[in-house]
Amino acid sequence: MWVAAIISGLAASALTLWKKWFLLLGVAFSALYLITTVELTSDKNLALAIITEQGRLYFIQSYITSLVPVFMAATSFLYARKKNRTAAPN
């Protein structure tokens, strides 16, 4: 779960440094992970099986993990924006 979020966050970050609108890719990855987590928690039988095997912290980590790609892409976006602002002559 963490590896997938970090890899997708790195991809979105690298692309965001290239073109700023790739920030939306980070948002899309985060939305996908969030929707998946909500679906897992809404199915009572599956949620009970996950809690039995992984524990309650699984869902907390899953919600936090869903924020990783958008956070990484947003950080790259802000860095690229600052870099472009300081590189432009006044």
N, C-alpha and C. Protein backbone atom coordinates (compact mmCIF):
# COMPACT_ATOMS: atom_id res chain seq x y z
N MET A 1 0.84 -1.18 0.00
CA MET A 1 0.00 0.00 0.00
C MET A 1 0.89 1.25 0.00
N TRP A 2 1.85 1.29 0.91
CA TRP A 2 2.73 2.46 0.97
C TRP A 2 3.61 2.55 -0.27
N VAL A 3 4.09 1.40 -0.73
CA VAL A 3 4.98 1.40 -1.89
C VAL A 3 4.24 1.92 -3.12
N ALA A 4 3.02 1.47 -3.33
CA ALA A 4 2.23 1.94 -4.47
C ALA A 4 1.98 3.44 -4.38
N ALA A 5 1.68 3.94 -3.20
CA ALA A 5 1.42 5.37 -3.02
C ALA A 5 2.68 6.19 -3.26
N ILE A 6 3.81 5.71 -2.78
CA ILE A 6 5.06 6.46 -2.97
C ILE A 6 5.49 6.44 -4.43
N ILE A 7 5.37 5.30 -5.10
CA ILE A 7 5.75 5.22 -6.51
C ILE A 7 4.84 6.12 -7.36
N SER A 8 3.54 6.08 -7.12
CA SER A 8 2.64 6.95 -7.89
C SER A 8 2.87 8.41 -7.53
N GLY A 9 3.23 8.69 -6.28
CA GLY A 9 3.55 10.06 -5.88
C GLY A 9 4.82 10.56 -6.54
N LEU A 10 5.83 9.68 -6.64
CA LEU A 10 7.07 10.06 -7.32
C LEU A 10 6.82 10.33 -8.80
N ALA A 11 6.01 9.50 -9.44
CA ALA A 11 5.70 9.71 -10.85
C ALA A 11 4.96 11.03 -11.05
N ALA A 12 3.97 11.28 -10.22
CA ALA A 12 3.22 12.53 -10.33
C ALA A 12 4.11 13.73 -10.01
N SER A 13 5.01 13.59 -9.06
CA SER A 13 5.93 14.68 -8.70
C SER A 13 6.88 15.01 -9.84
N ALA A 14 7.46 13.96 -10.44
CA ALA A 14 8.40 14.19 -11.54
C ALA A 14 7.69 14.84 -12.72
N LEU A 15 6.50 14.38 -13.02
CA LEU A 15 5.75 14.97 -14.13
C LEU A 15 5.29 16.38 -13.81
N THR A 16 5.00 16.66 -12.55
CA THR A 16 4.58 18.00 -12.14
C THR A 16 5.73 18.99 -12.28
N LEU A 17 6.95 18.53 -12.04
CA LEU A 17 8.11 19.41 -12.24
C LEU A 17 8.26 19.76 -13.72
N TRP A 18 7.85 18.85 -14.59
CA TRP A 18 7.95 19.08 -16.02
C TRP A 18 6.83 20.00 -16.52
N LYS A 19 5.59 19.63 -16.24
CA LYS A 19 4.41 20.43 -16.58
C LYS A 19 3.52 20.52 -15.35
N LYS A 20 3.18 21.72 -14.96
CA LYS A 20 2.47 21.93 -13.69
C LYS A 20 1.10 21.27 -13.63
N TRP A 21 0.45 21.12 -14.77
CA TRP A 21 -0.91 20.57 -14.73
C TRP A 21 -0.92 19.08 -14.40
N PHE A 22 0.26 18.42 -14.34
CA PHE A 22 0.32 17.03 -13.91
C PHE A 22 0.02 16.89 -12.42
N LEU A 23 -0.15 18.01 -11.73
CA LEU A 23 -0.62 17.97 -10.35
C LEU A 23 -1.94 17.21 -10.27
N LEU A 24 -2.73 17.33 -11.32
CA LEU A 24 -4.02 16.62 -11.35
C LEU A 24 -3.84 15.10 -11.35
N LEU A 25 -2.71 14.62 -11.82
CA LEU A 25 -2.43 13.19 -11.75
C LEU A 25 -2.28 12.73 -10.30
N GLY A 26 -1.61 13.55 -9.50
CA GLY A 26 -1.50 13.25 -8.08
C GLY A 26 -2.86 13.26 -7.39
N VAL A 27 -3.70 14.20 -7.79
CA VAL A 27 -5.06 14.26 -7.24
C VAL A 27 -5.84 13.01 -7.65
N ALA A 28 -5.67 12.58 -8.91
CA ALA A 28 -6.38 11.39 -9.39
C ALA A 28 -5.93 10.13 -8.64
N PHE A 29 -4.61 9.98 -8.44
CA PHE A 29 -4.12 8.83 -7.68
C PHE A 29 -4.69 8.84 -6.26
N SER A 30 -4.67 9.99 -5.62
CA SER A 30 -5.19 10.08 -4.26
C SER A 30 -6.68 9.77 -4.21
N ALA A 31 -7.42 10.27 -5.19
CA ALA A 31 -8.85 9.98 -5.24
C ALA A 31 -9.10 8.49 -5.43
N LEU A 32 -8.29 7.86 -6.28
CA LEU A 32 -8.43 6.42 -6.50
C LEU A 32 -8.17 5.63 -5.22
N TYR A 33 -7.11 5.99 -4.50
CA TYR A 33 -6.80 5.29 -3.25
C TYR A 33 -7.86 5.55 -2.19
N LEU A 34 -8.37 6.77 -2.14
CA LEU A 34 -9.42 7.10 -1.17
C LEU A 34 -10.71 6.35 -1.47
N ILE A 35 -11.10 6.30 -2.73
CA ILE A 35 -12.32 5.58 -3.11
C ILE A 35 -12.19 4.09 -2.78
N THR A 36 -11.01 3.54 -3.03
CA THR A 36 -10.78 2.13 -2.72
C THR A 36 -10.90 1.87 -1.22
N THR A 37 -10.35 2.75 -0.42
CA THR A 37 -10.44 2.59 1.04
C THR A 37 -11.88 2.71 1.52
N VAL A 38 -12.61 3.65 0.98
CA VAL A 38 -14.02 3.81 1.37
C VAL A 38 -14.82 2.57 0.98
N GLU A 39 -14.53 2.01 -0.18
CA GLU A 39 -15.21 0.79 -0.60
C GLU A 39 -14.89 -0.37 0.33
N LEU A 40 -13.64 -0.47 0.76
CA LEU A 40 -13.27 -1.55 1.68
C LEU A 40 -13.98 -1.40 3.02
N THR A 41 -14.08 -0.17 3.50
CA THR A 41 -14.72 0.03 4.81
C THR A 41 -16.23 -0.10 4.73
N SER A 42 -16.81 0.11 3.57
CA SER A 42 -18.27 0.04 3.47
C SER A 42 -18.78 -1.39 3.39
N ASP A 43 -17.97 -2.32 2.94
CA ASP A 43 -18.36 -3.72 2.90
C ASP A 43 -18.08 -4.33 4.27
N LYS A 44 -19.13 -4.61 5.01
CA LYS A 44 -18.99 -5.05 6.41
C LYS A 44 -18.22 -6.37 6.53
N ASN A 45 -18.51 -7.33 5.66
CA ASN A 45 -17.82 -8.62 5.75
C ASN A 45 -16.34 -8.48 5.44
N LEU A 46 -16.02 -7.75 4.40
CA LEU A 46 -14.63 -7.56 4.02
C LEU A 46 -13.89 -6.73 5.07
N ALA A 47 -14.55 -5.71 5.59
CA ALA A 47 -13.92 -4.88 6.62
C ALA A 47 -13.62 -5.70 7.87
N LEU A 48 -14.54 -6.56 8.25
CA LEU A 48 -14.34 -7.42 9.42
C LEU A 48 -13.17 -8.38 9.19
N ALA A 49 -13.07 -8.92 7.98
CA ALA A 49 -11.97 -9.83 7.66
C ALA A 49 -10.63 -9.10 7.69
N ILE A 50 -10.61 -7.88 7.19
CA ILE A 50 -9.37 -7.09 7.19
C ILE A 50 -8.98 -6.73 8.62
N ILE A 51 -9.94 -6.33 9.43
CA ILE A 51 -9.65 -5.98 10.82
C ILE A 51 -9.14 -7.21 11.58
N THR A 52 -9.72 -8.37 11.31
CA THR A 52 -9.27 -9.60 11.96
C THR A 52 -7.84 -9.93 11.59
N GLU A 53 -7.51 -9.78 10.31
CA GLU A 53 -6.17 -10.17 9.86
C GLU A 53 -5.12 -9.07 10.06
N GLN A 54 -5.46 -7.83 9.76
CA GLN A 54 -4.48 -6.74 9.77
C GLN A 54 -4.59 -5.82 10.99
N GLY A 55 -5.75 -5.77 11.59
CA GLY A 55 -5.96 -4.88 12.72
C GLY A 55 -6.65 -3.58 12.29
N ARG A 56 -7.09 -2.82 13.26
CA ARG A 56 -7.81 -1.57 12.97
C ARG A 56 -6.92 -0.50 12.36
N LEU A 57 -5.64 -0.56 12.62
CA LEU A 57 -4.73 0.45 12.08
C LEU A 57 -4.62 0.39 10.56
N TYR A 58 -5.04 -0.71 9.95
CA TYR A 58 -4.98 -0.84 8.50
C TYR A 58 -5.76 0.28 7.83
N PHE A 59 -6.94 0.56 8.32
CA PHE A 59 -7.78 1.58 7.68
C PHE A 59 -7.24 2.99 7.93
N ILE A 60 -6.68 3.22 9.11
CA ILE A 60 -6.08 4.52 9.39
C ILE A 60 -4.90 4.74 8.45
N GLN A 61 -4.06 3.73 8.31
CA GLN A 61 -2.92 3.84 7.40
C GLN A 61 -3.37 3.98 5.96
N SER A 62 -4.44 3.34 5.62
CA SER A 62 -4.95 3.42 4.25
C SER A 62 -5.44 4.84 3.92
N TYR A 63 -6.11 5.47 4.87
CA TYR A 63 -6.55 6.85 4.64
C TYR A 63 -5.35 7.80 4.56
N ILE A 64 -4.36 7.60 5.40
CA ILE A 64 -3.16 8.44 5.35
C ILE A 64 -2.41 8.21 4.04
N THR A 65 -2.32 6.95 3.62
CA THR A 65 -1.63 6.62 2.39
C THR A 65 -2.29 7.27 1.18
N SER A 66 -3.58 7.42 1.22
CA SER A 66 -4.27 8.03 0.07
C SER A 66 -3.89 9.50 -0.11
N LEU A 67 -3.32 10.12 0.91
CA LEU A 67 -2.91 11.52 0.79
C LEU A 67 -1.49 11.69 0.26
N VAL A 68 -0.71 10.63 0.23
CA VAL A 68 0.70 10.73 -0.16
C VAL A 68 0.90 11.25 -1.58
N PRO A 69 0.23 10.70 -2.62
CA PRO A 69 0.50 11.20 -3.97
C PRO A 69 0.15 12.67 -4.16
N VAL A 70 -0.96 13.12 -3.63
CA VAL A 70 -1.34 14.52 -3.81
C VAL A 70 -0.39 15.43 -3.03
N PHE A 71 0.07 15.00 -1.87
CA PHE A 71 1.02 15.79 -1.10
C PHE A 71 2.34 15.92 -1.84
N MET A 72 2.83 14.82 -2.40
CA MET A 72 4.09 14.85 -3.13
C MET A 72 3.98 15.70 -4.39
N ALA A 73 2.89 15.56 -5.12
CA ALA A 73 2.70 16.35 -6.34
C ALA A 73 2.53 17.83 -6.02
N ALA A 74 1.82 18.14 -4.94
CA ALA A 74 1.63 19.54 -4.54
C ALA A 74 2.95 20.17 -4.11
N THR A 75 3.79 19.39 -3.44
CA THR A 75 5.10 19.89 -3.06
C THR A 75 5.94 20.20 -4.29
N SER A 76 5.90 19.33 -5.29
CA SER A 76 6.63 19.57 -6.53
C SER A 76 6.06 20.77 -7.28
N PHE A 77 4.75 20.91 -7.24
CA PHE A 77 4.10 22.06 -7.89
C PHE A 77 4.57 23.36 -7.26
N LEU A 78 4.59 23.41 -5.94
CA LEU A 78 5.02 24.63 -5.26
C LEU A 78 6.50 24.90 -5.52
N TYR A 79 7.31 23.86 -5.57
CA TYR A 79 8.73 24.03 -5.86
C TYR A 79 8.93 24.58 -7.28
N ALA A 80 8.22 24.00 -8.25
CA ALA A 80 8.35 24.46 -9.64
C ALA A 80 7.85 25.89 -9.79
N ARG A 81 6.81 26.22 -9.09
CA ARG A 81 6.27 27.59 -9.14
C ARG A 81 7.26 28.59 -8.56
N LYS A 82 7.87 28.23 -7.43
CA LYS A 82 8.87 29.10 -6.81
C LYS A 82 10.10 29.22 -7.71
N LYS A 83 10.52 28.12 -8.29
CA LYS A 83 11.67 28.11 -9.17
C LYS A 83 11.44 28.99 -10.40
N ASN A 84 10.27 28.93 -10.97
CA ASN A 84 9.93 29.76 -12.14
C ASN A 84 9.82 31.23 -11.77
N ARG A 85 9.36 31.51 -10.57
CA ARG A 85 9.21 32.89 -10.13
C ARG A 85 10.58 33.54 -9.90
N THR A 86 11.52 32.77 -9.34
CA THR A 86 12.85 33.34 -9.08
C THR A 86 13.70 33.38 -10.35
N ALA A 87 13.41 32.52 -11.33
CA ALA A 87 14.20 32.50 -12.56
C ALA A 87 13.78 33.60 -13.54
N ALA A 88 12.56 34.09 -13.42
CA ALA A 88 12.06 35.11 -14.34
C ALA A 88 12.67 36.47 -13.97
N PRO A 89 13.21 37.17 -14.99
CA PRO A 89 13.76 38.51 -14.69
C PRO A 89 12.66 39.52 -14.43
N ASN A 90 12.95 40.48 -13.58
CA ASN A 90 11.96 41.50 -13.23
C ASN A 90 11.94 42.62 -14.22
